[in-house]
Amino acid sequence: MKWLIIVLPLLFSLPARSQEIRGIGVLWEGDPTEWVIYSDSLKEYEVGTLKKRWDNRNDIWDYTFGETSGTIRMKWKSNPDVWQIQSDRSTLLANTIWPGDLTVWSIREEHTTLRYKMRFQNDPEEWETEDSEDYGYFAMWTDREGDIDNWVIYDALYPEKVSLEAKILLVFLPVWLVLQE
Protein backbone atom coordinates (compact mmCIF):
# COMPACT_ATOMS: atom_id res chain seq x y z
CA MET A 1 0.00 0.00 0.00
CA LYS A 2 2.90 2.36 0.71
CA TRP A 3 4.17 2.06 -2.85
CA LEU A 4 0.71 3.02 -4.16
CA ILE A 5 0.77 6.22 -2.10
CA ILE A 6 4.18 7.06 -3.53
CA VAL A 7 3.59 6.03 -7.15
CA LEU A 8 0.11 7.47 -7.82
CA PRO A 9 1.07 11.13 -7.34
CA LEU A 10 4.07 10.60 -9.63
CA LEU A 11 1.87 9.17 -12.38
CA PHE A 12 -0.45 12.17 -12.30
CA SER A 13 2.37 14.68 -12.27
CA LEU A 14 4.06 13.54 -15.49
CA PRO A 15 5.14 16.57 -17.51
CA ALA A 16 3.14 17.48 -20.61
CA ARG A 17 6.13 16.82 -22.85
CA SER A 18 5.69 13.07 -22.33
CA GLN A 19 2.14 13.20 -23.67
CA GLU A 20 1.32 12.16 -27.17
CA ILE A 21 -0.28 14.58 -29.58
CA ARG A 22 -3.51 13.27 -31.10
CA GLY A 23 -4.99 16.29 -32.85
CA ILE A 24 -4.98 19.98 -33.57
CA GLY A 25 -7.86 22.27 -34.42
CA VAL A 26 -8.57 25.95 -34.84
CA LEU A 27 -9.71 27.78 -31.73
CA TRP A 28 -12.34 29.71 -33.71
CA GLU A 29 -13.92 28.08 -36.75
CA GLY A 30 -12.59 29.55 -39.99
CA ASP A 31 -9.80 31.48 -38.22
CA PRO A 32 -6.45 29.74 -38.82
CA THR A 33 -4.43 32.13 -36.63
CA GLU A 34 -4.98 30.28 -33.32
CA TRP A 35 -4.86 26.51 -32.84
CA VAL A 36 -5.39 24.13 -29.92
CA ILE A 37 -3.30 20.95 -29.56
CA TYR A 38 -5.05 17.89 -28.08
CA SER A 39 -3.77 14.75 -26.40
CA ASP A 40 -6.87 12.69 -27.22
CA SER A 41 -8.78 11.91 -30.40
CA LEU A 42 -12.05 13.29 -28.99
CA LYS A 43 -10.40 16.72 -28.58
CA GLU A 44 -11.34 17.02 -24.94
CA TYR A 45 -7.89 17.41 -23.39
CA GLU A 46 -6.10 20.57 -24.50
CA VAL A 47 -2.36 20.34 -23.94
CA GLY A 48 -1.06 23.23 -26.01
CA THR A 49 -1.59 26.11 -28.39
CA LEU A 50 -0.14 27.39 -31.64
CA LYS A 51 -0.69 31.07 -32.50
CA LYS A 52 0.37 33.36 -35.29
CA ARG A 53 2.20 36.26 -33.61
CA TRP A 54 0.98 39.03 -35.95
CA ASP A 55 -2.09 39.09 -38.17
CA ASN A 56 -0.29 40.61 -41.15
CA ARG A 57 2.71 38.21 -41.07
CA ASN A 58 2.87 34.45 -41.43
CA ASP A 59 6.55 33.95 -40.58
CA ILE A 60 6.49 33.96 -36.73
CA TRP A 61 4.35 31.69 -34.54
CA ASP A 62 4.30 31.06 -30.79
CA TYR A 63 3.47 27.76 -29.15
CA THR A 64 2.85 26.34 -25.70
CA PHE A 65 2.75 22.72 -24.66
CA GLY A 66 2.21 22.12 -20.99
CA GLU A 67 4.85 24.19 -19.24
CA THR A 68 7.05 24.48 -22.35
CA SER A 69 6.73 27.43 -24.70
CA GLY A 70 8.66 28.76 -27.64
CA THR A 71 8.73 30.38 -31.05
CA ILE A 72 8.63 29.01 -34.58
CA ARG A 73 10.01 31.36 -37.19
CA MET A 74 11.21 31.41 -40.74
CA LYS A 75 15.00 31.38 -40.47
CA TRP A 76 15.29 33.97 -43.25
CA LYS A 77 12.32 36.24 -43.86
CA SER A 78 12.12 35.63 -47.61
CA ASN A 79 12.95 31.90 -47.59
CA PRO A 80 10.17 29.48 -46.52
CA ASP A 81 12.53 26.51 -47.02
CA VAL A 82 14.03 26.79 -43.51
CA TRP A 83 12.15 27.10 -40.20
CA GLN A 84 13.58 27.32 -36.71
CA ILE A 85 11.88 26.36 -33.47
CA GLN A 86 13.29 27.71 -30.25
CA SER A 87 12.30 26.95 -26.69
CA ASP A 88 14.01 27.34 -23.36
CA ARG A 89 15.31 23.77 -23.84
CA SER A 90 16.57 23.66 -27.42
CA THR A 91 16.69 25.04 -30.94
CA LEU A 92 15.94 22.90 -34.01
CA LEU A 93 15.80 23.49 -37.74
CA ALA A 94 13.42 22.10 -40.33
CA ASN A 95 14.46 22.51 -43.94
CA THR A 96 13.22 21.31 -47.28
CA ILE A 97 15.18 18.52 -48.93
CA TRP A 98 15.12 20.34 -52.27
CA PRO A 99 15.02 24.16 -52.55
CA GLY A 100 11.55 25.46 -53.31
CA ASP A 101 9.87 22.05 -52.81
CA LEU A 102 7.73 22.33 -49.65
CA THR A 103 6.54 18.70 -49.87
CA VAL A 104 9.54 16.96 -48.22
CA TRP A 105 11.28 18.18 -45.06
CA SER A 106 14.17 17.18 -42.84
CA ILE A 107 14.14 17.84 -39.10
CA ARG A 108 17.48 17.31 -37.40
CA GLU A 109 18.23 16.89 -33.74
CA GLU A 110 21.41 15.87 -32.00
CA HIS A 111 21.17 12.14 -32.86
CA THR A 112 17.95 12.05 -34.89
CA THR A 113 16.97 13.04 -38.42
CA LEU A 114 13.31 12.79 -39.35
CA ARG A 115 12.19 12.92 -42.96
CA TYR A 116 8.66 14.32 -43.23
CA LYS A 117 6.66 14.39 -46.44
CA MET A 118 3.27 14.63 -48.05
CA ARG A 119 1.89 11.12 -48.20
CA PHE A 120 0.58 11.65 -51.72
CA GLN A 121 2.07 14.08 -54.21
CA ASN A 122 0.22 17.42 -54.29
CA ASP A 123 -2.09 16.52 -51.37
CA PRO A 124 -1.13 18.83 -48.47
CA GLU A 125 -3.83 17.28 -46.26
CA GLU A 126 -1.84 14.07 -45.49
CA TRP A 127 1.68 13.92 -44.04
CA GLU A 128 3.94 11.23 -42.62
CA THR A 129 7.47 10.55 -41.44
CA GLU A 130 9.42 7.68 -42.87
CA ASP A 131 8.80 4.71 -40.59
CA SER A 132 11.89 4.03 -38.52
CA GLU A 133 12.76 1.32 -36.04
CA ASP A 134 14.98 3.91 -34.37
CA TYR A 135 12.53 6.82 -34.05
CA GLY A 136 9.00 5.50 -34.61
CA TYR A 137 6.33 6.94 -36.89
CA PHE A 138 4.22 10.12 -37.09
CA ALA A 139 1.32 10.90 -39.44
CA MET A 140 -1.10 13.78 -39.73
CA TRP A 141 -4.19 14.29 -41.90
CA THR A 142 -7.27 16.49 -42.03
CA ASP A 143 -10.27 15.19 -40.13
CA ARG A 144 -12.46 15.76 -43.20
CA GLU A 145 -11.15 16.16 -46.72
CA GLY A 146 -11.05 19.81 -47.72
CA ASP A 147 -11.54 21.07 -44.13
CA ILE A 148 -8.21 22.36 -42.85
CA ASP A 149 -9.63 23.46 -39.46
CA ASN A 150 -9.17 20.06 -37.77
CA TRP A 151 -6.36 17.53 -38.05
CA VAL A 152 -5.93 14.01 -36.71
CA ILE A 153 -2.48 12.95 -35.55
CA TYR A 154 -1.00 9.48 -35.16
CA ASP A 155 2.00 9.90 -32.87
CA ALA A 156 4.07 6.75 -32.38
CA LEU A 157 7.44 8.49 -32.12
CA TYR A 158 9.74 7.38 -29.32
CA PRO A 159 9.83 10.23 -26.76
CA GLU A 160 13.33 9.31 -25.63
CA LYS A 161 14.60 9.84 -29.21
CA VAL A 162 12.35 12.62 -30.58
CA SER A 163 11.95 15.88 -28.67
CA LEU A 164 8.76 17.79 -28.08
CA GLU A 165 10.14 20.58 -30.26
CA ALA A 166 10.50 18.18 -33.21
CA LYS A 167 6.91 17.02 -32.74
CA ILE A 168 5.70 20.62 -32.66
CA LEU A 169 7.48 21.22 -35.98
CA LEU A 170 5.80 18.11 -37.42
CA VAL A 171 2.43 19.55 -36.40
CA PHE A 172 3.23 23.08 -37.55
CA LEU A 173 4.53 22.47 -41.09
CA PRO A 174 1.33 21.02 -42.65
CA VAL A 175 -0.83 23.63 -40.92
CA TRP A 176 1.40 26.44 -42.18
CA LEU A 177 1.59 24.99 -45.67
CA VAL A 178 -2.18 24.70 -46.24
CA LEU A 179 -2.55 28.32 -45.12
CA GLN A 180 -0.29 29.33 -48.01
CA GLU A 181 -2.64 27.95 -50.63
C-alpha atoms as a PDB file:
ATOM      1  CA  MET A   1       0.000   0.000   0.000  1.00  0.00           C
ATOM      2  CA  LYS A   2       2.900   2.357   0.708  1.00  0.00           C
ATOM      3  CA  TRP A   3       4.168   2.059  -2.850  1.00  0.00           C
ATOM      4  CA  LEU A   4       0.713   3.022  -4.158  1.00  0.00           C
ATOM      5  CA  ILE A   5       0.771   6.218  -2.102  1.00  0.00           C
ATOM      6  CA  ILE A   6       4.181   7.062  -3.527  1.00  0.00           C
ATOM      7  CA  VAL A   7       3.589   6.027  -7.153  1.00  0.00           C
ATOM      8  CA  LEU A   8       0.110   7.475  -7.823  1.00  0.00           C
ATOM      9  CA  PRO A   9       1.074  11.133  -7.338  1.00  0.00           C
ATOM     10  CA  LEU A  10       4.070  10.596  -9.626  1.00  0.00           C
ATOM     11  CA  LEU A  11       1.872   9.174 -12.378  1.00  0.00           C
ATOM     12  CA  PHE A  12      -0.454  12.165 -12.296  1.00  0.00           C
ATOM     13  CA  SER A  13       2.370  14.679 -12.271  1.00  0.00           C
ATOM     14  CA  LEU A  14       4.062  13.543 -15.490  1.00  0.00           C
ATOM     15  CA  PRO A  15       5.137  16.572 -17.506  1.00  0.00           C
ATOM     16  CA  ALA A  16       3.141  17.483 -20.613  1.00  0.00           C
ATOM     17  CA  ARG A  17       6.133  16.820 -22.852  1.00  0.00           C
ATOM     18  CA  SER A  18       5.695  13.069 -22.327  1.00  0.00           C
ATOM     19  CA  GLN A  19       2.140  13.197 -23.667  1.00  0.00           C
ATOM     20  CA  GLU A  20       1.319  12.156 -27.169  1.00  0.00           C
ATOM     21  CA  ILE A  21      -0.277  14.583 -29.578  1.00  0.00           C
ATOM     22  CA  ARG A  22      -3.510  13.271 -31.102  1.00  0.00           C
ATOM     23  CA  GLY A  23      -4.995  16.291 -32.849  1.00  0.00           C
ATOM     24  CA  ILE A  24      -4.976  19.985 -33.575  1.00  0.00           C
ATOM     25  CA  GLY A  25      -7.864  22.268 -34.424  1.00  0.00           C
ATOM     26  CA  VAL A  26      -8.572  25.953 -34.843  1.00  0.00           C
ATOM     27  CA  LEU A  27      -9.710  27.782 -31.727  1.00  0.00           C
ATOM     28  CA  TRP A  28     -12.337  29.708 -33.708  1.00  0.00           C
ATOM     29  CA  GLU A  29     -13.922  28.080 -36.747  1.00  0.00           C
ATOM     30  CA  GLY A  30     -12.594  29.552 -39.986  1.00  0.00           C
ATOM     31  CA  ASP A  31      -9.798  31.483 -38.219  1.00  0.00           C
ATOM     32  CA  PRO A  32      -6.449  29.736 -38.817  1.00  0.00           C
ATOM     33  CA  THR A  33      -4.426  32.134 -36.631  1.00  0.00           C
ATOM     34  CA  GLU A  34      -4.981  30.278 -33.319  1.00  0.00           C
ATOM     35  CA  TRP A  35      -4.858  26.513 -32.838  1.00  0.00           C
ATOM     36  CA  VAL A  36      -5.386  24.126 -29.922  1.00  0.00           C
ATOM     37  CA  ILE A  37      -3.298  20.951 -29.562  1.00  0.00           C
ATOM     38  CA  TYR A  38      -5.047  17.895 -28.082  1.00  0.00           C
ATOM     39  CA  SER A  39      -3.770  14.750 -26.404  1.00  0.00           C
ATOM     40  CA  ASP A  40      -6.868  12.690 -27.222  1.00  0.00           C
ATOM     41  CA  SER A  41      -8.776  11.911 -30.399  1.00  0.00           C
ATOM     42  CA  LEU A  42     -12.046  13.293 -28.990  1.00  0.00           C
ATOM     43  CA  LYS A  43     -10.402  16.717 -28.584  1.00  0.00           C
ATOM     44  CA  GLU A  44     -11.344  17.019 -24.936  1.00  0.00           C
ATOM     45  CA  TYR A  45      -7.888  17.412 -23.392  1.00  0.00           C
ATOM     46  CA  GLU A  46      -6.101  20.565 -24.502  1.00  0.00           C
ATOM     47  CA  VAL A  47      -2.356  20.341 -23.942  1.00  0.00           C
ATOM     48  CA  GLY A  48      -1.060  23.227 -26.013  1.00  0.00           C
ATOM     49  CA  THR A  49      -1.591  26.111 -28.388  1.00  0.00           C
ATOM     50  CA  LEU A  50      -0.141  27.391 -31.639  1.00  0.00           C
ATOM     51  CA  LYS A  51      -0.693  31.069 -32.496  1.00  0.00           C
ATOM     52  CA  LYS A  52       0.366  33.364 -35.288  1.00  0.00           C
ATOM     53  CA  ARG A  53       2.197  36.258 -33.610  1.00  0.00           C
ATOM     54  CA  TRP A  54       0.985  39.028 -35.955  1.00  0.00           C
ATOM     55  CA  ASP A  55      -2.092  39.093 -38.173  1.00  0.00           C
ATOM     56  CA  ASN A  56      -0.293  40.613 -41.148  1.00  0.00           C
ATOM     57  CA  ARG A  57       2.710  38.211 -41.073  1.00  0.00           C
ATOM     58  CA  ASN A  58       2.872  34.446 -41.430  1.00  0.00           C
ATOM     59  CA  ASP A  59       6.550  33.950 -40.576  1.00  0.00           C
ATOM     60  CA  ILE A  60       6.492  33.955 -36.733  1.00  0.00           C
ATOM     61  CA  TRP A  61       4.348  31.694 -34.542  1.00  0.00           C
ATOM     62  CA  ASP A  62       4.296  31.061 -30.791  1.00  0.00           C
ATOM     63  CA  TYR A  63       3.473  27.760 -29.150  1.00  0.00           C
ATOM     64  CA  THR A  64       2.847  26.341 -25.705  1.00  0.00           C
ATOM     65  CA  PHE A  65       2.752  22.721 -24.663  1.00  0.00           C
ATOM     66  CA  GLY A  66       2.207  22.121 -20.991  1.00  0.00           C
ATOM     67  CA  GLU A  67       4.852  24.186 -19.239  1.00  0.00           C
ATOM     68  CA  THR A  68       7.048  24.484 -22.352  1.00  0.00           C
ATOM     69  CA  SER A  69       6.734  27.434 -24.700  1.00  0.00           C
ATOM     70  CA  GLY A  70       8.658  28.764 -27.638  1.00  0.00           C
ATOM     71  CA  THR A  71       8.730  30.380 -31.046  1.00  0.00           C
ATOM     72  CA  ILE A  72       8.632  29.012 -34.584  1.00  0.00           C
ATOM     73  CA  ARG A  73      10.010  31.356 -37.190  1.00  0.00           C
ATOM     74  CA  MET A  74      11.209  31.407 -40.738  1.00  0.00           C
ATOM     75  CA  LYS A  75      15.000  31.385 -40.466  1.00  0.00           C
ATOM     76  CA  TRP A  76      15.286  33.974 -43.254  1.00  0.00           C
ATOM     77  CA  LYS A  77      12.324  36.238 -43.865  1.00  0.00           C
ATOM     78  CA  SER A  78      12.123  35.630 -47.614  1.00  0.00           C
ATOM     79  CA  ASN A  79      12.945  31.896 -47.594  1.00  0.00           C
ATOM     80  CA  PRO A  80      10.169  29.480 -46.523  1.00  0.00           C
ATOM     81  CA  ASP A  81      12.531  26.507 -47.022  1.00  0.00           C
ATOM     82  CA  VAL A  82      14.028  26.795 -43.513  1.00  0.00           C
ATOM     83  CA  TRP A  83      12.150  27.098 -40.204  1.00  0.00           C
ATOM     84  CA  GLN A  84      13.576  27.319 -36.711  1.00  0.00           C
ATOM     85  CA  ILE A  85      11.879  26.355 -33.475  1.00  0.00           C
ATOM     86  CA  GLN A  86      13.288  27.711 -30.252  1.00  0.00           C
ATOM     87  CA  SER A  87      12.304  26.947 -26.685  1.00  0.00           C
ATOM     88  CA  ASP A  88      14.007  27.338 -23.362  1.00  0.00           C
ATOM     89  CA  ARG A  89      15.309  23.774 -23.842  1.00  0.00           C
ATOM     90  CA  SER A  90      16.572  23.659 -27.423  1.00  0.00           C
ATOM     91  CA  THR A  91      16.691  25.041 -30.945  1.00  0.00           C
ATOM     92  CA  LEU A  92      15.943  22.903 -34.011  1.00  0.00           C
ATOM     93  CA  LEU A  93      15.799  23.494 -37.745  1.00  0.00           C
ATOM     94  CA  ALA A  94      13.425  22.100 -40.329  1.00  0.00           C
ATOM     95  CA  ASN A  95      14.456  22.512 -43.936  1.00  0.00           C
ATOM     96  CA  THR A  96      13.221  21.308 -47.283  1.00  0.00           C
ATOM     97  CA  ILE A  97      15.184  18.522 -48.928  1.00  0.00           C
ATOM     98  CA  TRP A  98      15.118  20.340 -52.272  1.00  0.00           C
ATOM     99  CA  PRO A  99      15.021  24.158 -52.550  1.00  0.00           C
ATOM    100  CA  GLY A 100      11.549  25.458 -53.312  1.00  0.00           C
ATOM    101  CA  ASP A 101       9.873  22.047 -52.810  1.00  0.00           C
ATOM    102  CA  LEU A 102       7.730  22.330 -49.652  1.00  0.00           C
ATOM    103  CA  THR A 103       6.543  18.699 -49.866  1.00  0.00           C
ATOM    104  CA  VAL A 104       9.540  16.963 -48.224  1.00  0.00           C
ATOM    105  CA  TRP A 105      11.279  18.185 -45.058  1.00  0.00           C
ATOM    106  CA  SER A 106      14.175  17.179 -42.843  1.00  0.00           C
ATOM    107  CA  ILE A 107      14.144  17.843 -39.102  1.00  0.00           C
ATOM    108  CA  ARG A 108      17.476  17.307 -37.403  1.00  0.00           C
ATOM    109  CA  GLU A 109      18.225  16.891 -33.742  1.00  0.00           C
ATOM    110  CA  GLU A 110      21.414  15.871 -32.000  1.00  0.00           C
ATOM    111  CA  HIS A 111      21.166  12.141 -32.862  1.00  0.00           C
ATOM    112  CA  THR A 112      17.952  12.052 -34.889  1.00  0.00           C
ATOM    113  CA  THR A 113      16.973  13.042 -38.420  1.00  0.00           C
ATOM    114  CA  LEU A 114      13.311  12.793 -39.352  1.00  0.00           C
ATOM    115  CA  ARG A 115      12.191  12.920 -42.961  1.00  0.00           C
ATOM    116  CA  TYR A 116       8.664  14.319 -43.231  1.00  0.00           C
ATOM    117  CA  LYS A 117       6.661  14.394 -46.440  1.00  0.00           C
ATOM    118  CA  MET A 118       3.271  14.628 -48.051  1.00  0.00           C
ATOM    119  CA  ARG A 119       1.887  11.122 -48.198  1.00  0.00           C
ATOM    120  CA  PHE A 120       0.580  11.646 -51.719  1.00  0.00           C
ATOM    121  CA  GLN A 121       2.067  14.077 -54.213  1.00  0.00           C
ATOM    122  CA  ASN A 122       0.221  17.421 -54.286  1.00  0.00           C
ATOM    123  CA  ASP A 123      -2.085  16.518 -51.368  1.00  0.00           C
ATOM    124  CA  PRO A 124      -1.127  18.830 -48.474  1.00  0.00           C
ATOM    125  CA  GLU A 125      -3.828  17.279 -46.262  1.00  0.00           C
ATOM    126  CA  GLU A 126      -1.841  14.075 -45.487  1.00  0.00           C
ATOM    127  CA  TRP A 127       1.680  13.924 -44.041  1.00  0.00           C
ATOM    128  CA  GLU A 128       3.936  11.228 -42.616  1.00  0.00           C
ATOM    129  CA  THR A 129       7.465  10.547 -41.435  1.00  0.00           C
ATOM    130  CA  GLU A 130       9.422   7.679 -42.871  1.00  0.00           C
ATOM    131  CA  ASP A 131       8.800   4.706 -40.595  1.00  0.00           C
ATOM    132  CA  SER A 132      11.887   4.030 -38.522  1.00  0.00           C
ATOM    133  CA  GLU A 133      12.762   1.318 -36.037  1.00  0.00           C
ATOM    134  CA  ASP A 134      14.979   3.907 -34.370  1.00  0.00           C
ATOM    135  CA  TYR A 135      12.527   6.824 -34.048  1.00  0.00           C
ATOM    136  CA  GLY A 136       9.004   5.505 -34.609  1.00  0.00           C
ATOM    137  CA  TYR A 137       6.327   6.945 -36.894  1.00  0.00           C
ATOM    138  CA  PHE A 138       4.223  10.122 -37.090  1.00  0.00           C
ATOM    139  CA  ALA A 139       1.325  10.904 -39.435  1.00  0.00           C
ATOM    140  CA  MET A 140      -1.105  13.785 -39.731  1.00  0.00           C
ATOM    141  CA  TRP A 141      -4.189  14.294 -41.904  1.00  0.00           C
ATOM    142  CA  THR A 142      -7.271  16.493 -42.028  1.00  0.00           C
ATOM    143  CA  ASP A 143     -10.272  15.191 -40.130  1.00  0.00           C
ATOM    144  CA  ARG A 144     -12.462  15.763 -43.202  1.00  0.00           C
ATOM    145  CA  GLU A 145     -11.152  16.162 -46.724  1.00  0.00           C
ATOM    146  CA  GLY A 146     -11.046  19.810 -47.716  1.00  0.00           C
ATOM    147  CA  ASP A 147     -11.544  21.073 -44.127  1.00  0.00           C
ATOM    148  CA  ILE A 148      -8.205  22.359 -42.846  1.00  0.00           C
ATOM    149  CA  ASP A 149      -9.630  23.461 -39.459  1.00  0.00           C
ATOM    150  CA  ASN A 150      -9.171  20.057 -37.768  1.00  0.00           C
ATOM    151  CA  TRP A 151      -6.358  17.526 -38.049  1.00  0.00           C
ATOM    152  CA  VAL A 152      -5.928  14.006 -36.711  1.00  0.00           C
ATOM    153  CA  ILE A 153      -2.478  12.949 -35.548  1.00  0.00           C
ATOM    154  CA  TYR A 154      -0.998   9.480 -35.155  1.00  0.00           C
ATOM    155  CA  ASP A 155       2.002   9.901 -32.874  1.00  0.00           C
ATOM    156  CA  ALA A 156       4.072   6.754 -32.383  1.00  0.00           C
ATOM    157  CA  LEU A 157       7.444   8.491 -32.120  1.00  0.00           C
ATOM    158  CA  TYR A 158       9.742   7.383 -29.319  1.00  0.00           C
ATOM    159  CA  PRO A 159       9.834  10.231 -26.761  1.00  0.00           C
ATOM    160  CA  GLU A 160      13.333   9.305 -25.627  1.00  0.00           C
ATOM    161  CA  LYS A 161      14.597   9.840 -29.210  1.00  0.00           C
ATOM    162  CA  VAL A 162      12.350  12.616 -30.577  1.00  0.00           C
ATOM    163  CA  SER A 163      11.945  15.875 -28.671  1.00  0.00           C
ATOM    164  CA  LEU A 164       8.758  17.789 -28.081  1.00  0.00           C
ATOM    165  CA  GLU A 165      10.137  20.581 -30.265  1.00  0.00           C
ATOM    166  CA  ALA A 166      10.504  18.184 -33.207  1.00  0.00           C
ATOM    167  CA  LYS A 167       6.907  17.023 -32.740  1.00  0.00           C
ATOM    168  CA  ILE A 168       5.696  20.623 -32.660  1.00  0.00           C
ATOM    169  CA  LEU A 169       7.485  21.221 -35.979  1.00  0.00           C
ATOM    170  CA  LEU A 170       5.802  18.113 -37.417  1.00  0.00           C
ATOM    171  CA  VAL A 171       2.427  19.553 -36.405  1.00  0.00           C
ATOM    172  CA  PHE A 172       3.230  23.076 -37.550  1.00  0.00           C
ATOM    173  CA  LEU A 173       4.533  22.466 -41.089  1.00  0.00           C
ATOM    174  CA  PRO A 174       1.332  21.017 -42.654  1.00  0.00           C
ATOM    175  CA  VAL A 175      -0.834  23.626 -40.916  1.00  0.00           C
ATOM    176  CA  TRP A 176       1.397  26.435 -42.176  1.00  0.00           C
ATOM    177  CA  LEU A 177       1.591  24.992 -45.675  1.00  0.00           C
ATOM    178  CA  VAL A 178      -2.182  24.700 -46.236  1.00  0.00           C
ATOM    179  CA  LEU A 179      -2.551  28.315 -45.116  1.00  0.00           C
ATOM    180  CA  GLN A 180      -0.289  29.334 -48.012  1.00  0.00           C
ATOM    181  CA  GLU A 181      -2.645  27.948 -50.634  1.00  0.00           C
END
